[in-house]
Amino acid sequence: MATKTKTKVNVRPLHDKLLVERDEAETVTSAGIYLPESSTEKPQFATVLAVGDGTLNETTGERTPLDIKVGDRVILSKWGGTELKLDGEEYLIINASDVLAIVD
């Protein structure tokens, strides 16, 4: 699973939102068969590029910071998020609840 090195993205997610970049889709099977783009699924692994300031506790008015930080590699739910294209690159804005796990 290849990941690209990125320059800084000037997008600041709000509240419990994250800006992530999905890993590139696998185009070759383990047996060496090349897959056409139309048959590849969207990867569920992504790298976190920006993190919002957390959820708001409506009782106290305080922010609860997120457990996820910039640079974390995460596993996403399959259908979550909003796709975004900036400067020719594709990103995804997701809720923190769409993250299933952090990959160590």
PDB file of N, CA and C in Angstrom:
ATOM      1  N   MET A   1       0.830  -1.166   0.000  1.00  0.00           N
ATOM      2  CA  MET A   1       0.000   0.000   0.000  1.00  0.00           C
ATOM      3  C   MET A   1       0.880   1.236   0.000  1.00  0.00           C
ATOM      4  N   ALA A   2       0.932   1.889  -1.100  1.00  0.00           N
ATOM      5  CA  ALA A   2       1.814   3.040  -1.255  1.00  0.00           C
ATOM      6  C   ALA A   2       1.127   4.301  -0.773  1.00  0.00           C
ATOM      7  N   THR A   3       1.926   5.178  -0.173  1.00  0.00           N
ATOM      8  CA  THR A   3       1.419   6.495   0.195  1.00  0.00           C
ATOM      9  C   THR A   3       2.345   7.536  -0.421  1.00  0.00           C
ATOM     10  N   LYS A   4       1.788   8.700  -0.724  1.00  0.00           N
ATOM     11  CA  LYS A   4       2.559   9.777  -1.331  1.00  0.00           C
ATOM     12  C   LYS A   4       2.991  10.756  -0.256  1.00  0.00           C
ATOM     13  N   THR A   5       4.099  11.423  -0.505  1.00  0.00           N
ATOM     14  CA  THR A   5       4.535  12.497   0.378  1.00  0.00           C
ATOM     15  C   THR A   5       3.844  13.774  -0.079  1.00  0.00           C
ATOM     16  N   LYS A   6       3.235  14.490   0.845  1.00  0.00           N
ATOM     17  CA  LYS A   6       2.431  15.666   0.515  1.00  0.00           C
ATOM     18  C   LYS A   6       3.067  16.934   1.037  1.00  0.00           C
ATOM     19  N   THR A   7       2.823  17.990   0.312  1.00  0.00           N
ATOM     20  CA  THR A   7       3.124  19.299   0.856  1.00  0.00           C
ATOM     21  C   THR A   7       1.949  19.695   1.741  1.00  0.00           C
ATOM     22  N   LYS A   8       2.093  20.758   2.486  1.00  0.00           N
ATOM     23  CA  LYS A   8       1.042  21.176   3.408  1.00  0.00           C
ATOM     24  C   LYS A   8      -0.227  21.565   2.653  1.00  0.00           C
ATOM     25  N   VAL A   9      -1.364  21.110   3.150  1.00  0.00           N
ATOM     26  CA  VAL A   9      -2.669  21.427   2.566  1.00  0.00           C
ATOM     27  C   VAL A   9      -3.293  22.513   3.424  1.00  0.00           C
ATOM     28  N   ASN A  10      -3.755  23.588   2.801  1.00  0.00           N
ATOM     29  CA  ASN A  10      -4.320  24.719   3.529  1.00  0.00           C
ATOM     30  C   ASN A  10      -5.820  24.582   3.720  1.00  0.00           C
ATOM     31  N   VAL A  11      -6.221  23.494   4.375  1.00  0.00           N
ATOM     32  CA  VAL A  11      -7.623  23.266   4.723  1.00  0.00           C
ATOM     33  C   VAL A  11      -7.652  22.927   6.208  1.00  0.00           C
ATOM     34  N   ARG A  12      -8.500  23.603   6.954  1.00  0.00           N
ATOM     35  CA  ARG A  12      -8.612  23.358   8.394  1.00  0.00           C
ATOM     36  C   ARG A  12     -10.006  22.813   8.684  1.00  0.00           C
ATOM     37  N   PRO A  13     -10.114  21.507   8.976  1.00  0.00           N
ATOM     38  CA  PRO A  13     -11.420  20.930   9.293  1.00  0.00           C
ATOM     39  C   PRO A  13     -11.979  21.526  10.593  1.00  0.00           C
ATOM     40  N   LEU A  14     -13.286  21.555  10.700  1.00  0.00           N
ATOM     41  CA  LEU A  14     -13.940  22.088  11.894  1.00  0.00           C
ATOM     42  C   LEU A  14     -14.390  20.962  12.814  1.00  0.00           C
ATOM     43  N   HIS A  15     -14.422  21.237  14.090  1.00  0.00           N
ATOM     44  CA  HIS A  15     -14.971  20.381  15.134  1.00  0.00           C
ATOM     45  C   HIS A  15     -14.401  18.955  15.093  1.00  0.00           C
ATOM     46  N   ASP A  16     -15.244  17.941  14.828  1.00  0.00           N
ATOM     47  CA  ASP A  16     -14.785  16.550  14.863  1.00  0.00           C
ATOM     48  C   ASP A  16     -14.498  16.006  13.461  1.00  0.00           C
ATOM     49  N   LYS A  17     -14.128  16.886  12.548  1.00  0.00           N
ATOM     50  CA  LYS A  17     -13.844  16.480  11.168  1.00  0.00           C
ATOM     51  C   LYS A  17     -12.344  16.279  10.960  1.00  0.00           C
ATOM     52  N   LEU A  18     -12.007  15.436   9.975  1.00  0.00           N
ATOM     53  CA  LEU A  18     -10.626  15.147   9.604  1.00  0.00           C
ATOM     54  C   LEU A  18     -10.475  15.302   8.104  1.00  0.00           C
ATOM     55  N   LEU A  19      -9.326  15.774   7.672  1.00  0.00           N
ATOM     56  CA  LEU A  19      -8.977  15.788   6.254  1.00  0.00           C
ATOM     57  C   LEU A  19      -7.981  14.648   6.060  1.00  0.00           C
ATOM     58  N   VAL A  20      -8.322  13.708   5.173  1.00  0.00           N
ATOM     59  CA  VAL A  20      -7.462  12.557   4.937  1.00  0.00           C
ATOM     60  C   VAL A  20      -7.204  12.392   3.449  1.00  0.00           C
ATOM     61  N   GLU A  21      -6.154  11.661   3.160  1.00  0.00           N
ATOM     62  CA  GLU A  21      -5.864  11.272   1.788  1.00  0.00           C
ATOM     63  C   GLU A  21      -5.838   9.757   1.752  1.00  0.00           C
ATOM     64  N   ARG A  22      -6.695   9.200   0.906  1.00  0.00           N
ATOM     65  CA  ARG A  22      -6.750   7.743   0.775  1.00  0.00           C
ATOM     66  C   ARG A  22      -5.460   7.224   0.154  1.00  0.00           C
ATOM     67  N   ASP A  23      -5.077   6.013   0.546  1.00  0.00           N
ATOM     68  CA  ASP A  23      -3.960   5.346  -0.108  1.00  0.00           C
ATOM     69  C   ASP A  23      -4.338   5.075  -1.549  1.00  0.00           C
ATOM     70  N   GLU A  24      -3.359   4.882  -2.391  1.00  0.00           N
ATOM     71  CA  GLU A  24      -3.639   4.571  -3.786  1.00  0.00           C
ATOM     72  C   GLU A  24      -4.226   3.168  -3.894  1.00  0.00           C
ATOM     73  N   ALA A  25      -5.168   2.995  -4.818  1.00  0.00           N
ATOM     74  CA  ALA A  25      -5.787   1.689  -5.030  1.00  0.00           C
ATOM     75  C   ALA A  25      -4.771   0.732  -5.629  1.00  0.00           C
ATOM     76  N   GLU A  26      -4.848  -0.522  -5.192  1.00  0.00           N
ATOM     77  CA  GLU A  26      -3.971  -1.556  -5.740  1.00  0.00           C
ATOM     78  C   GLU A  26      -4.385  -1.828  -7.185  1.00  0.00           C
ATOM     79  N   THR A  27      -3.413  -1.815  -8.076  1.00  0.00           N
ATOM     80  CA  THR A  27      -3.715  -2.057  -9.489  1.00  0.00           C
ATOM     81  C   THR A  27      -3.205  -3.406  -9.964  1.00  0.00           C
ATOM     82  N   VAL A  28      -2.506  -4.123  -9.077  1.00  0.00           N
ATOM     83  CA  VAL A  28      -1.984  -5.444  -9.418  1.00  0.00           C
ATOM     84  C   VAL A  28      -2.328  -6.393  -8.281  1.00  0.00           C
ATOM     85  N   THR A  29      -2.862  -7.580  -8.610  1.00  0.00           N
ATOM     86  CA  THR A  29      -3.170  -8.562  -7.581  1.00  0.00           C
ATOM     87  C   THR A  29      -1.893  -9.227  -7.099  1.00  0.00           C
ATOM     88  N   SER A  30      -1.978  -9.985  -6.020  1.00  0.00           N
ATOM     89  CA  SER A  30      -0.804 -10.684  -5.504  1.00  0.00           C
ATOM     90  C   SER A  30      -0.283 -11.714  -6.503  1.00  0.00           C
ATOM     91  N   ALA A  31      -1.124 -12.140  -7.427  1.00  0.00           N
ATOM     92  CA  ALA A  31      -0.715 -13.094  -8.462  1.00  0.00           C
ATOM     93  C   ALA A  31      -0.132 -12.390  -9.682  1.00  0.00           C
ATOM     94  N   GLY A  32      -0.082 -11.042  -9.673  1.00  0.00           N
ATOM     95  CA  GLY A  32       0.510 -10.300 -10.776  1.00  0.00           C
ATOM     96  C   GLY A  32      -0.453  -9.907 -11.875  1.00  0.00           C
ATOM     97  N   ILE A  33      -1.741 -10.038 -11.631  1.00  0.00           N
ATOM     98  CA  ILE A  33      -2.745  -9.671 -12.629  1.00  0.00           C
ATOM     99  C   ILE A  33      -3.055  -8.189 -12.484  1.00  0.00           C
ATOM    100  N   TYR A  34      -2.980  -7.445 -13.593  1.00  0.00           N
ATOM    101  CA  TYR A  34      -3.281  -6.004 -13.579  1.00  0.00           C
ATOM    102  C   TYR A  34      -4.786  -5.797 -13.612  1.00  0.00           C
ATOM    103  N   LEU A  35      -5.264  -4.922 -12.745  1.00  0.00           N
ATOM    104  CA  LEU A  35      -6.692  -4.637 -12.650  1.00  0.00           C
ATOM    105  C   LEU A  35      -7.012  -3.322 -13.351  1.00  0.00           C
ATOM    106  N   PRO A  36      -8.094  -3.277 -14.119  1.00  0.00           N
ATOM    107  CA  PRO A  36      -8.494  -1.993 -14.710  1.00  0.00           C
ATOM    108  C   PRO A  36      -9.024  -1.075 -13.610  1.00  0.00           C
ATOM    109  N   GLU A  37      -8.922   0.223 -13.844  1.00  0.00           N
ATOM    110  CA  GLU A  37      -9.352   1.204 -12.847  1.00  0.00           C
ATOM    111  C   GLU A  37     -10.813   1.022 -12.456  1.00  0.00           C
ATOM    112  N   SER A  38     -11.643   0.603 -13.397  1.00  0.00           N
ATOM    113  CA  SER A  38     -13.073   0.454 -13.121  1.00  0.00           C
ATOM    114  C   SER A  38     -13.364  -0.681 -12.145  1.00  0.00           C
ATOM    115  N   SER A  39     -12.446  -1.617 -11.970  1.00  0.00           N
ATOM    116  CA  SER A  39     -12.718  -2.746 -11.081  1.00  0.00           C
ATOM    117  C   SER A  39     -12.054  -2.603  -9.717  1.00  0.00           C
ATOM    118  N   THR A  40     -11.312  -1.529  -9.491  1.00  0.00           N
ATOM    119  CA  THR A  40     -10.655  -1.357  -8.201  1.00  0.00           C
ATOM    120  C   THR A  40     -11.592  -0.655  -7.224  1.00  0.00           C
ATOM    121  N   GLU A  41     -11.555  -1.090  -5.981  1.00  0.00           N
ATOM    122  CA  GLU A  41     -12.364  -0.461  -4.940  1.00  0.00           C
ATOM    123  C   GLU A  41     -11.590   0.684  -4.315  1.00  0.00           C
ATOM    124  N   LYS A  42     -12.309   1.612  -3.710  1.00  0.00           N
ATOM    125  CA  LYS A  42     -11.650   2.704  -3.002  1.00  0.00           C
ATOM    126  C   LYS A  42     -10.957   2.120  -1.773  1.00  0.00           C
ATOM    127  N   PRO A  43      -9.710   2.480  -1.559  1.00  0.00           N
ATOM    128  CA  PRO A  43      -8.988   1.952  -0.395  1.00  0.00           C
ATOM    129  C   PRO A  43      -9.619   2.421   0.907  1.00  0.00           C
ATOM    130  N   GLN A  44      -9.545   1.568   1.925  1.00  0.00           N
ATOM    131  CA  GLN A  44     -10.070   1.929   3.229  1.00  0.00           C
ATOM    132  C   GLN A  44      -8.967   2.454   4.146  1.00  0.00           C
ATOM    133  N   PHE A  45      -7.726   2.494   3.669  1.00  0.00           N
ATOM    134  CA  PHE A  45      -6.618   3.049   4.439  1.00  0.00           C
ATOM    135  C   PHE A  45      -6.373   4.480   3.973  1.00  0.00           C
ATOM    136  N   ALA A  46      -6.033   5.368   4.925  1.00  0.00           N
ATOM    137  CA  ALA A  46      -5.778   6.768   4.594  1.00  0.00           C
ATOM    138  C   ALA A  46      -4.800   7.359   5.593  1.00  0.00           C
ATOM    139  N   THR A  47      -4.224   8.495   5.207  1.00  0.00           N
ATOM    140  CA  THR A  47      -3.326   9.244   6.076  1.00  0.00           C
ATOM    141  C   THR A  47      -4.007  10.545   6.465  1.00  0.00           C
ATOM    142  N   VAL A  48      -3.968  10.884   7.749  1.00  0.00           N
ATOM    143  CA  VAL A  48      -4.608  12.096   8.262  1.00  0.00           C
ATOM    144  C   VAL A  48      -3.715  13.294   7.961  1.00  0.00           C
ATOM    145  N   LEU A  49      -4.269  14.296   7.275  1.00  0.00           N
ATOM    146  CA  LEU A  49      -3.530  15.498   6.910  1.00  0.00           C
ATOM    147  C   LEU A  49      -3.859  16.693   7.797  1.00  0.00           C
ATOM    148  N   ALA A  50      -5.081  16.740   8.344  1.00  0.00           N
ATOM    149  CA  ALA A  50      -5.493  17.840   9.219  1.00  0.00           C
ATOM    150  C   ALA A  50      -6.611  17.350  10.136  1.00  0.00           C
ATOM    151  N   VAL A  51      -6.673  17.926  11.336  1.00  0.00           N
ATOM    152  CA  VAL A  51      -7.631  17.491  12.355  1.00  0.00           C
ATOM    153  C   VAL A  51      -8.357  18.707  12.906  1.00  0.00           C
ATOM    154  N   GLY A  52      -9.675  18.585  13.105  1.00  0.00           N
ATOM    155  CA  GLY A  52     -10.461  19.652  13.713  1.00  0.00           C
ATOM    156  C   GLY A  52     -10.133  19.804  15.193  1.00  0.00           C
ATOM    157  N   ASP A  53     -10.734  20.786  15.842  1.00  0.00           N
ATOM    158  CA  ASP A  53     -10.409  21.091  17.240  1.00  0.00           C
ATOM    159  C   ASP A  53     -11.178  20.253  18.252  1.00  0.00           C
ATOM    160  N   GLY A  54     -12.006  19.312  17.826  1.00  0.00           N
ATOM    161  CA  GLY A  54     -12.685  18.400  18.744  1.00  0.00           C
ATOM    162  C   GLY A  54     -14.176  18.650  18.845  1.00  0.00           C
ATOM    163  N   THR A  55     -14.824  17.796  19.622  1.00  0.00           N
ATOM    164  CA  THR A  55     -16.272  17.890  19.795  1.00  0.00           C
ATOM    165  C   THR A  55     -16.595  18.835  20.952  1.00  0.00           C
ATOM    166  N   LEU A  56     -17.743  19.446  20.861  1.00  0.00           N
ATOM    167  CA  LEU A  56     -18.182  20.399  21.875  1.00  0.00           C
ATOM    168  C   LEU A  56     -19.072  19.698  22.891  1.00  0.00           C
ATOM    169  N   ASN A  57     -18.713  19.811  24.164  1.00  0.00           N
ATOM    170  CA  ASN A  57     -19.560  19.312  25.238  1.00  0.00           C
ATOM    171  C   ASN A  57     -20.608  20.386  25.488  1.00  0.00           C
ATOM    172  N   GLU A  58     -21.857  20.088  25.154  1.00  0.00           N
ATOM    173  CA  GLU A  58     -22.911  21.103  25.237  1.00  0.00           C
ATOM    174  C   GLU A  58     -23.246  21.502  26.665  1.00  0.00           C
ATOM    175  N   THR A  59     -22.921  20.662  27.620  1.00  0.00           N
ATOM    176  CA  THR A  59     -23.197  20.982  29.018  1.00  0.00           C
ATOM    177  C   THR A  59     -22.188  21.977  29.575  1.00  0.00           C
ATOM    178  N   THR A  60     -20.896  21.709  29.342  1.00  0.00           N
ATOM    179  CA  THR A  60     -19.847  22.558  29.915  1.00  0.00           C
ATOM    180  C   THR A  60     -19.337  23.607  28.936  1.00  0.00           C
ATOM    181  N   GLY A  61     -19.564  23.419  27.640  1.00  0.00           N
ATOM    182  CA  GLY A  61     -19.059  24.348  26.642  1.00  0.00           C
ATOM    183  C   GLY A  61     -17.601  24.125  26.286  1.00  0.00           C
ATOM    184  N   GLU A  62     -16.991  23.068  26.835  1.00  0.00           N
ATOM    185  CA  GLU A  62     -15.585  22.776  26.569  1.00  0.00           C
ATOM    186  C   GLU A  62     -15.438  21.855  25.365  1.00  0.00           C
ATOM    187  N   ARG A  63     -14.280  21.944  24.717  1.00  0.00           N
ATOM    188  CA  ARG A  63     -13.960  21.077  23.587  1.00  0.00           C
ATOM    189  C   ARG A  63     -13.248  19.826  24.094  1.00  0.00           C
ATOM    190  N   THR A  64     -13.650  18.676  23.548  1.00  0.00           N
ATOM    191  CA  THR A  64     -12.972  17.417  23.832  1.00  0.00           C
ATOM    192  C   THR A  64     -12.098  17.108  22.633  1.00  0.00           C
ATOM    193  N   PRO A  65     -10.755  17.151  22.794  1.00  0.00           N
ATOM    194  CA  PRO A  65      -9.880  16.919  21.647  1.00  0.00           C
ATOM    195  C   PRO A  65     -10.019  15.492  21.115  1.00  0.00           C
ATOM    196  N   LEU A  66      -9.685  15.316  19.840  1.00  0.00           N
ATOM    197  CA  LEU A  66      -9.769  14.010  19.201  1.00  0.00           C
ATOM    198  C   LEU A  66      -8.530  13.179  19.523  1.00  0.00           C
ATOM    199  N   ASP A  67      -8.686  11.858  19.490  1.00  0.00           N
ATOM    200  CA  ASP A  67      -7.572  10.939  19.727  1.00  0.00           C
ATOM    201  C   ASP A  67      -6.694  10.789  18.496  1.00  0.00           C
ATOM    202  N   ILE A  68      -7.138  11.295  17.376  1.00  0.00           N
ATOM    203  CA  ILE A  68      -6.439  11.135  16.104  1.00  0.00           C
ATOM    204  C   ILE A  68      -5.596  12.379  15.858  1.00  0.00           C
ATOM    205  N   LYS A  69      -4.384  12.184  15.343  1.00  0.00           N
ATOM    206  CA  LYS A  69      -3.516  13.335  15.090  1.00  0.00           C
ATOM    207  C   LYS A  69      -3.005  13.303  13.652  1.00  0.00           C
ATOM    208  N   VAL A  70      -2.489  14.428  13.198  1.00  0.00           N
ATOM    209  CA  VAL A  70      -1.933  14.544  11.852  1.00  0.00           C
ATOM    210  C   VAL A  70      -0.813  13.525  11.694  1.00  0.00           C
ATOM    211  N   GLY A  71      -0.815  12.837  10.562  1.00  0.00           N
ATOM    212  CA  GLY A  71       0.203  11.834  10.280  1.00  0.00           C
ATOM    213  C   GLY A  71      -0.234  10.417  10.594  1.00  0.00           C
ATOM    214  N   ASP A  72      -1.306  10.255  11.378  1.00  0.00           N
ATOM    215  CA  ASP A  72      -1.790   8.909  11.687  1.00  0.00           C
ATOM    216  C   ASP A  72      -2.276   8.218  10.416  1.00  0.00           C
ATOM    217  N   ARG A  73      -2.033   6.939  10.330  1.00  0.00           N
ATOM    218  CA  ARG A  73      -2.580   6.119   9.244  1.00  0.00           C
ATOM    219  C   ARG A  73      -3.799   5.428   9.825  1.00  0.00           C
ATOM    220  N   VAL A  74      -4.940   5.559   9.169  1.00  0.00           N
ATOM    221  CA  VAL A  74      -6.207   5.081   9.719  1.00  0.00           C
ATOM    222  C   VAL A  74      -6.929   4.163   8.739  1.00  0.00           C
ATOM    223  N   ILE A  75      -7.865   3.399   9.307  1.00  0.00           N
ATOM    224  CA  ILE A  75      -8.765   2.575   8.512  1.00  0.00           C
ATOM    225  C   ILE A  75     -10.131   3.246   8.572  1.00  0.00           C
ATOM    226  N   LEU A  76     -10.716   3.493   7.397  1.00  0.00           N
ATOM    227  CA  LEU A  76     -11.989   4.213   7.292  1.00  0.00           C
ATOM    228  C   LEU A  76     -13.150   3.267   7.053  1.00  0.00           C
ATOM    229  N   SER A  77     -14.343   3.716   7.439  1.00  0.00           N
ATOM    230  CA  SER A  77     -15.537   2.984   7.026  1.00  0.00           C
ATOM    231  C   SER A  77     -15.668   3.152   5.512  1.00  0.00           C
ATOM    232  N   LYS A  78     -16.301   2.215   4.876  1.00  0.00           N
ATOM    233  CA  LYS A  78     -16.284   2.146   3.419  1.00  0.00           C
ATOM    234  C   LYS A  78     -16.967   3.331   2.721  1.00  0.00           C
ATOM    235  N   TRP A  79     -18.060   3.822   3.258  1.00  0.00           N
ATOM    236  CA  TRP A  79     -18.853   4.818   2.515  1.00  0.00           C
ATOM    237  C   TRP A  79     -18.884   6.191   3.154  1.00  0.00           C
ATOM    238  N   GLY A  80     -18.069   6.457   4.148  1.00  0.00           N
ATOM    239  CA  GLY A  80     -18.129   7.742   4.845  1.00  0.00           C
ATOM    240  C   GLY A  80     -17.402   8.859   4.114  1.00  0.00           C
ATOM    241  N   GLY A  81     -17.710  10.085   4.496  1.00  0.00           N
ATOM    242  CA  GLY A  81     -16.942  11.233   4.048  1.00  0.00           C
ATOM    243  C   GLY A  81     -17.461  11.963   2.834  1.00  0.00           C
ATOM    244  N   THR A  82     -16.836  13.102   2.587  1.00  0.00           N
ATOM    245  CA  THR A  82     -17.132  13.946   1.441  1.00  0.00           C
ATOM    246  C   THR A  82     -15.858  14.106   0.629  1.00  0.00           C
ATOM    247  N   GLU A  83     -15.922  13.744  -0.640  1.00  0.00           N
ATOM    248  CA  GLU A  83     -14.740  13.854  -1.499  1.00  0.00           C
ATOM    249  C   GLU A  83     -14.507  15.308  -1.863  1.00  0.00           C
ATOM    250  N   LEU A  84     -13.222  15.669  -1.968  1.00  0.00           N
ATOM    251  CA  LEU A  84     -12.820  17.041  -2.213  1.00  0.00           C
ATOM    252  C   LEU A  84     -11.614  17.017  -3.142  1.00  0.00           C
ATOM    253  N   LYS A  85     -11.595  17.890  -4.142  1.00  0.00           N
ATOM    254  CA  LYS A  85     -10.466  17.967  -5.056  1.00  0.00           C
ATOM    255  C   LYS A  85      -9.852  19.356  -4.953  1.00  0.00           C
ATOM    256  N   LEU A  86      -8.555  19.409  -4.579  1.00  0.00           N
ATOM    257  CA  LEU A  86      -7.830  20.665  -4.444  1.00  0.00           C
ATOM    258  C   LEU A  86      -6.522  20.565  -5.214  1.00  0.00           C
ATOM    259  N   ASP A  87      -6.254  21.527  -6.054  1.00  0.00           N
ATOM    260  CA  ASP A  87      -4.997  21.563  -6.811  1.00  0.00           C
ATOM    261  C   ASP A  87      -4.702  20.244  -7.512  1.00  0.00           C
ATOM    262  N   GLY A  88      -5.739  19.602  -8.043  1.00  0.00           N
ATOM    263  CA  GLY A  88      -5.560  18.368  -8.791  1.00  0.00           C
ATOM    264  C   GLY A  88      -5.404  17.124  -7.933  1.00  0.00           C
ATOM    265  N   GLU A  89      -5.444  17.259  -6.628  1.00  0.00           N
ATOM    266  CA  GLU A  89      -5.317  16.119  -5.711  1.00  0.00           C
ATOM    267  C   GLU A  89      -6.672  15.828  -5.076  1.00  0.00           C
ATOM    268  N   GLU A  90      -6.934  14.545  -4.801  1.00  0.00           N
ATOM    269  CA  GLU A  90      -8.199  14.144  -4.195  1.00  0.00           C
ATOM    270  C   GLU A  90      -8.018  13.885  -2.705  1.00  0.00           C
ATOM    271  N   TYR A  91      -8.930  14.448  -1.915  1.00  0.00           N
ATOM    272  CA  TYR A  91      -8.927  14.299  -0.466  1.00  0.00           C
ATOM    273  C   TYR A  91     -10.317  13.882  -0.020  1.00  0.00           C
ATOM    274  N   LEU A  92     -10.436  13.611   1.267  1.00  0.00           N
ATOM    275  CA  LEU A  92     -11.702  13.219   1.842  1.00  0.00           C
ATOM    276  C   LEU A  92     -11.844  13.919   3.185  1.00  0.00           C
ATOM    277  N   ILE A  93     -13.000  14.538   3.433  1.00  0.00           N
ATOM    278  CA  ILE A  93     -13.301  15.094   4.748  1.00  0.00           C
ATOM    279  C   ILE A  93     -14.273  14.138   5.409  1.00  0.00           C
ATOM    280  N   ILE A  94     -13.896  13.647   6.590  1.00  0.00           N
ATOM    281  CA  ILE A  94     -14.708  12.647   7.275  1.00  0.00           C
ATOM    282  C   ILE A  94     -14.961  13.060   8.714  1.00  0.00           C
ATOM    283  N   ASN A  95     -15.975  12.460   9.323  1.00  0.00           N
ATOM    284  CA  ASN A  95     -16.202  12.602  10.753  1.00  0.00           C
ATOM    285  C   ASN A  95     -15.212  11.690  11.472  1.00  0.00           C
ATOM    286  N   ALA A  96     -14.796  12.067  12.655  1.00  0.00           N
ATOM    287  CA  ALA A  96     -13.902  11.210  13.432  1.00  0.00           C
ATOM    288  C   ALA A  96     -14.544   9.849  13.674  1.00  0.00           C
ATOM    289  N   SER A  97     -15.857   9.799  13.736  1.00  0.00           N
ATOM    290  CA  SER A  97     -16.560   8.521  13.980  1.00  0.00           C
ATOM    291  C   SER A  97     -16.473   7.585  12.779  1.00  0.00           C
ATOM    292  N   ASP A  98     -16.060   8.092  11.598  1.00  0.00           N
ATOM    293  CA  ASP A  98     -15.874   7.239  10.428  1.00  0.00           C
ATOM    294  C   ASP A  98     -14.545   6.482  10.457  1.00  0.00           C
ATOM    295  N   VAL A  99     -13.694   6.815  11.419  1.00  0.00           N
ATOM    296  CA  VAL A  99     -12.415   6.111  11.573  1.00  0.00           C
ATOM    297  C   VAL A  99     -12.666   4.874  12.421  1.00  0.00           C
ATOM    298  N   LEU A 100     -12.322   3.714  11.849  1.00  0.00           N
ATOM    299  CA  LEU A 100     -12.518   2.463  12.541  1.00  0.00           C
ATOM    300  C   LEU A 100     -11.335   2.084  13.423  1.00  0.00           C
ATOM    301  N   ALA A 101     -10.119   2.475  12.988  1.00  0.00           N
ATOM    302  CA  ALA A 101      -8.916   2.119  13.750  1.00  0.00           C
ATOM    303  C   ALA A 101      -7.747   2.982  13.300  1.00  0.00           C
ATOM    304  N   ILE A 102      -6.768   3.116  14.185  1.00  0.00           N
ATOM    305  CA  ILE A 102      -5.496   3.739  13.840  1.00  0.00           C
ATOM    306  C   ILE A 102      -4.486   2.616  13.661  1.00  0.00           C
ATOM    307  N   VAL A 103      -3.748   2.656  12.563  1.00  0.00           N
ATOM    308  CA  VAL A 103      -2.757   1.617  12.271  1.00  0.00           C
ATOM    309  C   VAL A 103      -1.438   2.031  12.902  1.00  0.00           C
ATOM    310  N   ASP A 104      -0.890   1.171  13.758  1.00  0.00           N
ATOM    311  CA  ASP A 104       0.399   1.468  14.410  1.00  0.00           C
ATOM    312  C   ASP A 104       1.551   0.988  13.568  1.00  0.00           C
TER     313      ASP A 104
END
